[in-house]
Every structure is written in C-alpha cells, then in structure tokens.
C-alpha cells in the first residue's frame, strides 16, 4: 500500500509514522498497519520500517516513557505495494522501564524484528564526547536536489524530491562518483524539510528513519566506491540505536559516521548525532551486506 506520492515530503513522513490500529483480539500482540513511501525499485527503505516499528511500540507504552534504545534485524526485503502489519509484544513494564518487541510482517512473514526499551526520564551522571570541530554550516552546503539537478534517472529523482529529510554532505557525496580519498568516514547535516509536532517519541522515531540513509557510506568511501558501482549489492542487516538527550528532527543535526571494519561481504559502521549546540543526542551502529563482484 504505497502512500500518495504527490504530497510534500514532511506530510509524507507524518503519514508514514501515523499507523492505524488493527484487530489483534486473537493474538497476544497489539496490531497496527502502515503504508510505504514509493521507491523506484518497489523495495521498502529500511529506515522507514525502523521508524514505523518504533512508533508501533511507542503506541503501547505509558505516556511520558521515551524510547532510549533499540536493536533490530532486517530479515527480508519489503514490497512498497503491500501493507505492513506491525505486531507488538509487551515484554515488560517496570517502574521506570518498558520493553517491547515489534515484528513487521508482509504476506504473513516477518521483514524486521526489533526490541526497543522505553524509560521514564530521570536524573543521573552526564558526560559526552565533543562534537567535531571545523565542520561547515549546513546552509553553506548544497542540497541533494542541487547536486543531482539535471540527472534524469528514477533513483536520482527519488533522492532529490521524495526523501522527507534535507541531507547535506560535508564531504563530496558518493551518489554516482567515488570520493577523492579512501577514508572510512562520512558526515552529513540533516533535518526534516518542515516542522514536526512536539512529540519526543515521534522525533526519535523519525531520527531512526533518517539514520539509515547514509551510514554505510563510511564503508563505501574506504574502498573508493559509489552507490552506483556496477554490480554492487548493498543491504542493511541489523541496526542498533541509543537516544541520549531530547532532540528535534526539524532542526539541523550533524551525523558523523565511521567504519571500523569490513570483511566477509559485510561492513560495520557507527554514527554519532549532534545538535547544533554540540549535544550528543544519539548513537547508531549498523552492519550491512556489501557485495562487490569485481574488487580492485
């Protein structure tokens, strides 16, 4: 069930994360149903399913409990033309923490399995790594639409106009050409194109959605590869995320990424997300499949 492709990107994002409750009376799960953003190859973007699965889980916890961590596995590719069913199991509700397991299903089989934890905000120890210095302001960097202007290709058009996030690369992007240096790092500024409601769990789920966009670029850069490399196959395998501090996805966030290792047709990447005040708001880790038929 693909969503309307004519609405603006921010409305599209809110529609994606606005799941409909469904009848789960015959199961031990809370059931929700959602649609998908159209994609050129009709394959669901993994970050979308992450964000929707987190919203489904958040719909079952007490108000005021915020998602603080999640661990998920991508099990099968999803089809943008088929509705997604989200089944949420209530694993535990304690005095301060709640744990939920969400499975996203299509055609009766799971495409993603995730466990998330929610917490009543509390006081405690507080420290963080510093935000990197020397990063140009996002306003000084070109938009994706500006970088890909004039390229008549369905993928380029989708990246330019359908993504709900304004993504601006600090280094030269590797959409169609590899960068000049083989370095295992990448950095982007990102935010939603329009404002989002004042719901912290919604902002955190939207950040999970966006965190899947560019993370594996730190793997590709290390080996001088572009997303368009002939015959290359890339897919997210798993995704972990920790939210540290309150955040807003409709304000600029710096996403600093690095890859410590690649082997066995898999690449590992991690990312730190800062707001413009330099506060570390989230940390991400992901392993992806990266198959390259003709290695240099």
Protein backbone atom coordinates (compact mmCIF):
# COMPACT_ATOMS: atom_id res chain seq x y z
CA UNK A 1 0.00 0.00 0.00
CA UNK A 2 2.13 2.86 -1.28
CA UNK A 3 1.25 6.29 0.07
CA UNK A 4 0.29 9.28 -2.08
CA UNK A 5 3.43 10.42 -3.92
CA UNK A 6 2.00 13.89 -4.60
CA UNK A 7 2.09 15.23 -1.01
CA UNK A 8 5.04 17.19 0.35
CA UNK A 9 7.86 15.19 1.97
CA UNK A 10 7.12 16.22 5.58
CA UNK A 11 3.44 15.31 5.28
CA UNK A 12 4.50 12.04 3.69
CA UNK A 13 6.77 11.31 6.68
CA UNK A 14 3.98 12.05 9.16
CA UNK A 15 1.60 9.84 7.19
CA UNK A 16 4.14 7.00 7.24
CA UNK A 17 4.51 7.26 11.02
CA UNK A 18 0.75 7.53 11.63
CA UNK A 19 -0.10 3.84 11.96
CA UNK A 20 -3.65 2.53 12.08
CA UNK A 21 -4.66 0.16 14.90
CA UNK A 22 -5.98 -3.21 13.75
CA UNK A 23 -7.86 -6.04 15.43
CA UNK A 24 -5.47 -8.16 17.48
CA UNK A 25 -8.06 -9.84 19.68
CA UNK A 26 -6.97 -13.34 18.65
CA UNK A 27 -3.28 -12.78 19.43
CA UNK A 28 -1.07 -11.69 22.31
CA UNK A 29 0.13 -8.71 20.29
CA UNK A 30 -1.06 -5.16 19.69
CA UNK A 31 -1.55 -4.88 15.93
CA UNK A 32 -1.01 -1.83 13.71
CA UNK A 33 -0.97 -1.33 9.93
CA UNK A 34 1.06 1.13 7.85
CA UNK A 35 1.88 2.03 4.26
CA UNK A 36 5.11 2.75 2.43
CA UNK A 37 6.86 5.56 0.61
CA UNK A 38 7.09 4.85 -3.16
CA UNK A 39 10.56 3.71 -4.22
CA UNK A 40 11.93 3.29 -7.77
CA UNK A 41 12.58 -0.44 -7.32
CA UNK A 42 9.47 -1.01 -5.15
CA UNK A 43 11.72 -2.10 -2.28
CA UNK A 44 10.94 -0.58 1.10
CA UNK A 45 13.60 1.70 2.58
CA UNK A 46 14.84 0.03 5.78
CA UNK A 47 14.78 3.22 7.84
CA UNK A 48 11.07 3.54 7.15
CA UNK A 49 10.33 0.15 8.75
CA UNK A 50 12.56 1.03 11.72
CA UNK A 51 10.69 4.26 12.34
CA UNK A 52 7.28 2.65 11.95
CA UNK A 53 8.19 -0.27 14.24
CA UNK A 54 9.28 2.19 16.93
CA UNK A 55 6.03 4.16 16.60
CA UNK A 56 4.06 0.92 16.92
CA UNK A 57 5.96 0.06 20.11
CA UNK A 58 5.57 3.62 21.48
CA UNK A 59 1.81 3.39 20.96
CA UNK A 60 1.67 0.68 23.65
CA UNK A 61 3.67 2.34 26.46
CA UNK A 62 2.52 4.79 29.11
CA UNK A 63 2.66 8.46 28.08
CA UNK A 64 5.93 10.08 29.13
CA UNK A 65 8.09 7.00 28.62
CA UNK A 66 10.67 7.77 25.93
CA UNK A 67 12.45 5.33 23.66
CA UNK A 68 16.11 5.17 24.66
CA UNK A 69 17.43 2.13 22.77
CA UNK A 70 16.54 -0.33 20.03
CA UNK A 71 18.12 -3.36 18.38
CA UNK A 72 16.68 -4.70 15.15
CA UNK A 73 17.35 -7.17 12.34
CA UNK A 74 16.27 -6.75 8.73
CA UNK A 75 15.08 -10.21 7.75
CA UNK A 76 13.61 -9.82 4.26
CA UNK A 77 13.23 -7.04 1.68
CA UNK A 78 9.85 -5.32 1.83
CA UNK A 79 7.45 -4.52 -1.01
CA UNK A 80 6.22 -0.90 -1.18
CA UNK A 81 2.93 -2.02 -2.75
CA UNK A 82 1.95 -4.34 0.12
CA UNK A 83 0.68 -3.04 3.51
CA UNK A 84 2.90 -3.67 6.53
CA UNK A 85 1.46 -5.22 9.69
CA UNK A 86 3.21 -4.45 12.96
CA UNK A 87 2.75 -6.83 15.90
CA UNK A 88 3.91 -5.52 19.29
CA UNK A 89 4.55 -7.79 22.26
CA UNK A 90 4.53 -6.16 25.72
CA UNK A 91 7.57 -7.85 27.24
CA UNK A 92 7.81 -5.88 30.50
CA UNK A 93 6.54 -2.77 32.25
CA UNK A 94 8.61 -1.83 35.27
CA UNK A 95 8.63 1.21 37.50
CA UNK A 96 10.98 3.11 35.15
CA UNK A 97 11.47 0.96 32.03
CA UNK A 98 9.22 -0.73 29.47
CA UNK A 99 10.41 -3.28 26.90
CA UNK A 100 8.63 -4.07 23.64
CA UNK A 101 9.25 -6.47 20.75
CA UNK A 102 7.94 -5.44 17.34
CA UNK A 103 7.72 -7.65 14.27
CA UNK A 104 6.92 -6.08 10.90
CA UNK A 105 5.11 -8.51 8.59
CA UNK A 106 4.26 -8.68 4.91
CA UNK A 107 2.45 -11.62 3.32
CA UNK A 108 2.48 -13.41 6.68
CA UNK A 109 6.28 -13.43 7.17
CA UNK A 110 8.46 -11.01 9.17
CA UNK A 111 10.59 -8.48 7.32
CA UNK A 112 12.01 -6.91 10.50
CA UNK A 113 12.36 -7.98 14.14
CA UNK A 114 13.12 -5.38 16.78
CA UNK A 115 13.29 -4.94 20.55
CA UNK A 116 13.03 -1.42 21.99
CA UNK A 117 13.27 -0.06 25.51
CA UNK A 118 11.47 2.99 26.91
CA UNK A 119 12.26 4.93 30.08
CA UNK A 120 10.70 7.48 32.38
CA UNK A 121 13.19 10.40 32.15
CA UNK A 122 15.45 10.61 35.20
CA UNK A 123 18.49 12.41 36.57
CA UNK A 124 21.97 10.86 36.76
CA UNK A 125 25.56 11.04 35.57
CA UNK A 126 26.11 13.16 32.48
CA UNK A 127 29.06 13.29 30.07
CA UNK A 128 29.63 13.03 26.31
CA UNK A 129 32.26 13.13 23.58
CA UNK A 130 32.79 16.50 21.96
CA UNK A 131 31.28 17.42 18.63
CA UNK A 132 33.95 17.55 15.89
CA UNK A 133 35.26 20.99 15.02
CA UNK A 134 35.83 22.58 11.65
CA UNK A 135 32.52 21.41 10.17
CA UNK A 136 30.93 23.85 7.69
CA UNK A 137 27.43 25.14 8.47
CA UNK A 138 24.63 23.27 6.69
CA UNK A 139 23.43 26.46 5.00
CA UNK A 140 26.76 26.64 3.14
CA UNK A 141 26.39 23.15 1.65
CA UNK A 142 24.39 22.17 -1.45
CA UNK A 143 21.14 20.27 -1.15
CA UNK A 144 20.70 16.82 -2.68
CA UNK A 145 18.37 18.32 -5.28
CA UNK A 146 21.06 20.82 -6.28
CA UNK A 147 23.72 18.10 -6.54
CA UNK A 148 21.54 15.85 -8.69
CA UNK A 149 19.85 18.54 -10.78
CA UNK A 150 19.54 17.54 -14.41
CA UNK A 151 20.05 13.79 -13.84
CA UNK A 152 17.09 12.04 -15.50
CA UNK A 153 17.06 8.82 -13.52
CA UNK A 154 14.32 7.44 -11.21
CA UNK A 155 16.72 6.93 -8.30
CA UNK A 156 18.16 10.43 -8.61
CA UNK A 157 14.66 11.91 -8.71
CA UNK A 158 13.64 9.90 -5.63
CA UNK A 159 16.72 11.03 -3.68
CA UNK A 160 16.16 14.64 -4.76
CA UNK A 161 12.43 15.06 -4.15
CA UNK A 162 10.86 12.18 -2.22
CA UNK A 163 13.09 11.93 0.82
CA UNK A 164 11.50 13.67 3.82
CA UNK A 165 14.93 14.76 5.07
CA UNK A 166 17.12 17.59 3.83
CA UNK A 167 20.54 15.87 3.71
CA UNK A 168 23.70 17.88 3.05
CA UNK A 169 27.05 16.13 2.74
CA UNK A 170 30.10 17.64 4.42
CA UNK A 171 32.42 15.79 2.02
CA UNK A 172 31.73 15.21 -1.66
CA UNK A 173 28.80 12.75 -1.82
CA UNK A 174 29.28 9.33 -3.40
CA UNK A 175 25.98 9.05 -5.23
CA UNK A 176 27.47 8.42 -8.66
CA UNK A 177 31.20 9.04 -8.22
CA UNK A 178 33.62 7.87 -5.54
CA UNK A 179 35.26 10.49 -3.36
CA UNK A 180 38.88 11.54 -3.93
CA UNK A 181 40.15 9.95 -0.71
CA UNK A 182 39.75 6.38 0.56
CA UNK A 183 38.73 7.21 4.12
CA UNK A 184 36.42 5.25 6.41
CA UNK A 185 34.38 8.25 7.47
CA UNK A 186 31.41 10.30 6.34
CA UNK A 187 29.45 13.24 7.72
CA UNK A 188 26.14 14.89 6.83
CA UNK A 189 23.85 17.55 8.21
CA UNK A 190 20.19 16.57 8.14
CA UNK A 191 16.73 17.72 9.22
CA UNK A 192 13.15 17.33 8.08
CA UNK A 193 12.01 19.80 5.43
CA UNK A 194 9.10 21.00 7.56
CA UNK A 195 8.20 21.21 11.26
CA UNK A 196 7.02 18.16 13.19
CA UNK A 197 4.61 18.03 16.17
CA UNK A 198 6.03 18.36 19.71
CA UNK A 199 6.10 14.61 20.40
CA UNK A 200 9.55 13.45 21.54
CA UNK A 201 8.93 9.80 20.65
CA UNK A 202 7.86 10.88 17.16
CA UNK A 203 11.09 12.87 16.73
CA UNK A 204 13.14 9.91 17.92
CA UNK A 205 11.36 7.52 15.55
CA UNK A 206 11.89 9.98 12.70
CA UNK A 207 15.59 10.13 13.56
CA UNK A 208 15.76 6.32 13.39
CA UNK A 209 14.16 6.59 9.95
CA UNK A 210 16.82 9.07 8.81
CA UNK A 211 19.74 7.25 10.46
CA UNK A 212 19.63 4.50 7.81
CA UNK A 213 20.22 6.85 4.84
CA UNK A 214 23.99 7.42 4.71
CA UNK A 215 25.59 5.28 7.43
CA UNK A 216 27.13 2.69 5.11
CA UNK A 217 28.76 5.41 3.03
CA UNK A 218 31.65 5.27 5.52
CA UNK A 219 32.25 1.70 4.28
CA UNK A 220 31.99 2.65 0.61
CA UNK A 221 34.32 5.65 0.92
CA UNK A 222 37.07 3.50 2.44
CA UNK A 223 37.15 1.40 -0.73
CA UNK A 224 36.60 4.14 -3.32
CA UNK A 225 33.08 3.01 -4.20
CA UNK A 226 29.98 4.96 -5.22
CA UNK A 227 26.39 3.85 -4.66
CA UNK A 228 26.10 3.35 -8.43
CA UNK A 229 29.10 0.98 -8.70
CA UNK A 230 28.26 -1.61 -11.35
CA UNK A 231 27.07 -4.91 -9.91
CA UNK A 232 27.46 -3.86 -6.27
CA UNK A 233 24.77 -5.04 -3.85
CA UNK A 234 24.25 -3.24 -0.52
CA UNK A 235 21.64 -4.01 2.14
CA UNK A 236 21.24 -3.23 5.84
CA UNK A 237 21.46 -6.36 8.01
CA UNK A 238 20.92 -5.03 11.51
CA UNK A 239 20.57 -1.68 13.26
CA UNK A 240 21.10 -0.52 16.83
CA UNK A 241 20.38 2.92 18.21
CA UNK A 242 20.60 4.74 21.52
CA UNK A 243 18.96 8.11 22.21
CA UNK A 244 20.79 10.13 24.86
CA UNK A 245 19.12 13.54 25.08
CA UNK A 246 15.98 15.34 23.87
CA UNK A 247 16.14 16.25 20.19
CA UNK A 248 14.25 17.79 17.32
CA UNK A 249 14.48 16.31 13.84
CA UNK A 250 13.10 19.54 12.33
CA UNK A 251 16.31 21.32 13.40
CA UNK A 252 19.78 20.67 11.94
CA UNK A 253 21.60 17.60 13.26
CA UNK A 254 25.18 16.59 12.43
CA UNK A 255 25.57 12.87 11.71
CA UNK A 256 29.26 11.83 11.98
CA UNK A 257 29.94 8.30 10.72
CA UNK A 258 32.88 5.92 10.60
CA UNK A 259 33.58 2.30 9.66
CA UNK A 260 35.94 0.31 11.91
CA UNK A 261 35.85 -2.88 9.82
CA UNK A 262 34.71 -4.61 6.65
CA UNK A 263 35.13 -8.33 5.96
CA UNK A 264 33.20 -11.38 4.78
CA UNK A 265 30.99 -9.28 2.44
CA UNK A 266 29.86 -7.24 5.46
CA UNK A 267 30.71 -3.72 6.57
CA UNK A 268 30.29 -2.27 10.05
CA UNK A 269 29.54 1.42 10.58
CA UNK A 270 28.79 3.59 13.59
CA UNK A 271 27.49 7.11 13.86
CA UNK A 272 27.17 9.91 16.39
CA UNK A 273 24.43 12.52 16.04
CA UNK A 274 24.84 16.02 17.48
CA UNK A 275 22.57 19.05 17.56
CA UNK A 276 23.91 22.47 16.63
CA UNK A 277 24.60 23.24 20.29
CA UNK A 278 27.09 20.35 20.30
CA UNK A 279 24.97 18.00 22.40
CA UNK A 280 25.27 14.29 21.56
CA UNK A 281 21.64 13.26 21.07
CA UNK A 282 22.03 9.73 19.66
CA UNK A 283 24.47 6.96 18.72
CA UNK A 284 23.91 4.43 15.92
CA UNK A 285 25.56 1.18 14.79
CA UNK A 286 24.78 -0.90 11.75
CA UNK A 287 26.21 -3.84 9.82
CA UNK A 288 25.41 -4.06 6.16
CA UNK A 289 25.94 -6.57 3.39
CA UNK A 290 28.30 -5.16 0.77
CA UNK A 291 28.96 -7.42 -2.20
CA UNK A 292 31.27 -6.18 -4.93
CA UNK A 293 31.72 -8.55 -7.89
CA UNK A 294 34.92 -7.03 -9.27
CA UNK A 295 37.16 -5.87 -6.44
CA UNK A 296 40.06 -3.61 -7.49
